[in-house]
Amino acid sequence: MEIPKAFGEVLRRHRKKANFSQEQLALQCNLDRTYIGLLERAQRQPSISTIFAICKVLNIAPYELIKEVEELINSQQSGDHL
């Protein structure tokens, strides 16, 4: 799995867990309302500043988000070799 796709999946999971719509999360992060959807569909890649802003609003540490992305990529790669 590619990094942008994994990031989008993890972001979507956390956004839904926090009960935010894509538009609500974007507004809270001072981002364009469509940007969260683009991230979740792996059509854009966030800057470090954007990752920090999203994590602050979702109340998670940036390293936790990155760790989940890495774990998802690793689990997909492990599954590919079976």
Protein backbone atom coordinates (compact mmCIF):
# COMPACT_ATOMS: atom_id res chain seq x y z
CA MET A 1 0.00 0.00 0.00
CA GLU A 2 1.25 3.45 -0.87
CA ILE A 3 1.77 6.05 1.87
CA PRO A 4 -0.93 8.51 0.66
CA LYS A 5 -3.55 5.73 0.54
CA ALA A 6 -2.62 4.50 4.02
CA PHE A 7 -2.65 8.05 5.39
CA GLY A 8 -6.10 8.62 3.91
CA GLU A 9 -7.50 5.46 5.48
CA VAL A 10 -6.09 6.28 8.91
CA LEU A 11 -7.30 9.88 8.66
CA ARG A 12 -10.82 8.74 7.71
CA ARG A 13 -10.90 6.31 10.64
CA HIS A 14 -9.92 9.02 13.14
CA ARG A 15 -12.23 11.63 11.62
CA LYS A 16 -15.22 9.31 11.87
CA LYS A 17 -14.26 8.27 15.40
CA ALA A 18 -14.30 11.97 16.36
CA ASN A 19 -17.70 12.40 14.64
CA PHE A 20 -16.49 15.07 12.23
CA SER A 21 -17.65 15.45 8.66
CA GLN A 22 -14.90 16.19 6.16
CA GLU A 23 -16.09 19.79 5.97
CA GLN A 24 -16.20 20.21 9.76
CA LEU A 25 -12.66 18.90 10.16
CA ALA A 26 -11.39 21.12 7.35
CA LEU A 27 -12.98 24.21 8.90
CA GLN A 28 -11.53 23.43 12.35
CA CYS A 29 -8.07 23.06 10.74
CA ASN A 30 -8.43 26.22 8.62
CA LEU A 31 -8.24 24.18 5.42
CA ASP A 32 -10.36 24.31 2.29
CA ARG A 33 -13.53 22.32 2.80
CA THR A 34 -12.64 19.83 0.06
CA TYR A 35 -9.07 19.21 1.21
CA ILE A 36 -9.86 16.48 3.76
CA GLY A 37 -11.66 14.49 1.08
CA LEU A 38 -8.67 14.83 -1.22
CA LEU A 39 -6.38 13.56 1.55
CA GLU A 40 -8.68 10.64 2.32
CA ARG A 41 -8.78 9.64 -1.36
CA ALA A 42 -4.97 9.92 -1.62
CA GLN A 43 -5.22 12.71 -4.17
CA ARG A 44 -3.15 15.11 -2.05
CA GLN A 45 -0.30 14.68 0.42
CA PRO A 46 -0.29 16.81 3.57
CA SER A 47 2.53 19.01 4.80
CA ILE A 48 3.91 18.55 8.30
CA SER A 49 2.00 21.68 9.36
CA THR A 50 -1.24 20.19 8.06
CA ILE A 51 -0.62 16.90 9.87
CA PHE A 52 -0.06 18.79 13.13
CA ALA A 53 -3.22 20.89 12.63
CA ILE A 54 -5.34 17.82 11.89
CA CYS A 55 -3.93 15.93 14.87
CA LYS A 56 -4.58 18.86 17.20
CA VAL A 57 -8.24 18.99 16.18
CA LEU A 58 -8.61 15.20 16.37
CA ASN A 59 -6.85 15.20 19.75
CA ILE A 60 -4.18 12.67 18.78
CA ALA A 61 -0.41 12.98 18.76
CA PRO A 62 1.13 13.28 15.30
CA TYR A 63 3.46 10.37 16.02
CA GLU A 64 0.44 8.16 16.77
CA LEU A 65 -1.10 8.99 13.40
CA ILE A 66 2.18 8.32 11.57
CA LYS A 67 2.67 5.08 13.52
CA GLU A 68 -0.78 3.86 12.45
CA VAL A 69 0.03 4.71 8.82
CA GLU A 70 3.26 2.74 9.08
CA GLU A 71 1.51 -0.23 10.72
CA LEU A 72 -1.15 -0.28 8.00
CA ILE A 73 1.49 -0.25 5.27
CA ASN A 74 3.45 -3.02 6.98
CA SER A 75 0.36 -5.17 7.52
CA GLN A 76 -0.59 -4.80 3.85
CA GLN A 77 2.93 -5.69 2.72
CA SER A 78 2.95 -8.75 4.99
CA GLY A 79 -0.36 -9.84 3.52
CA ASP A 80 0.99 -9.43 0.00
CA HIS A 81 3.67 -12.04 0.67
CA LEU A 82 1.28 -14.77 1.86
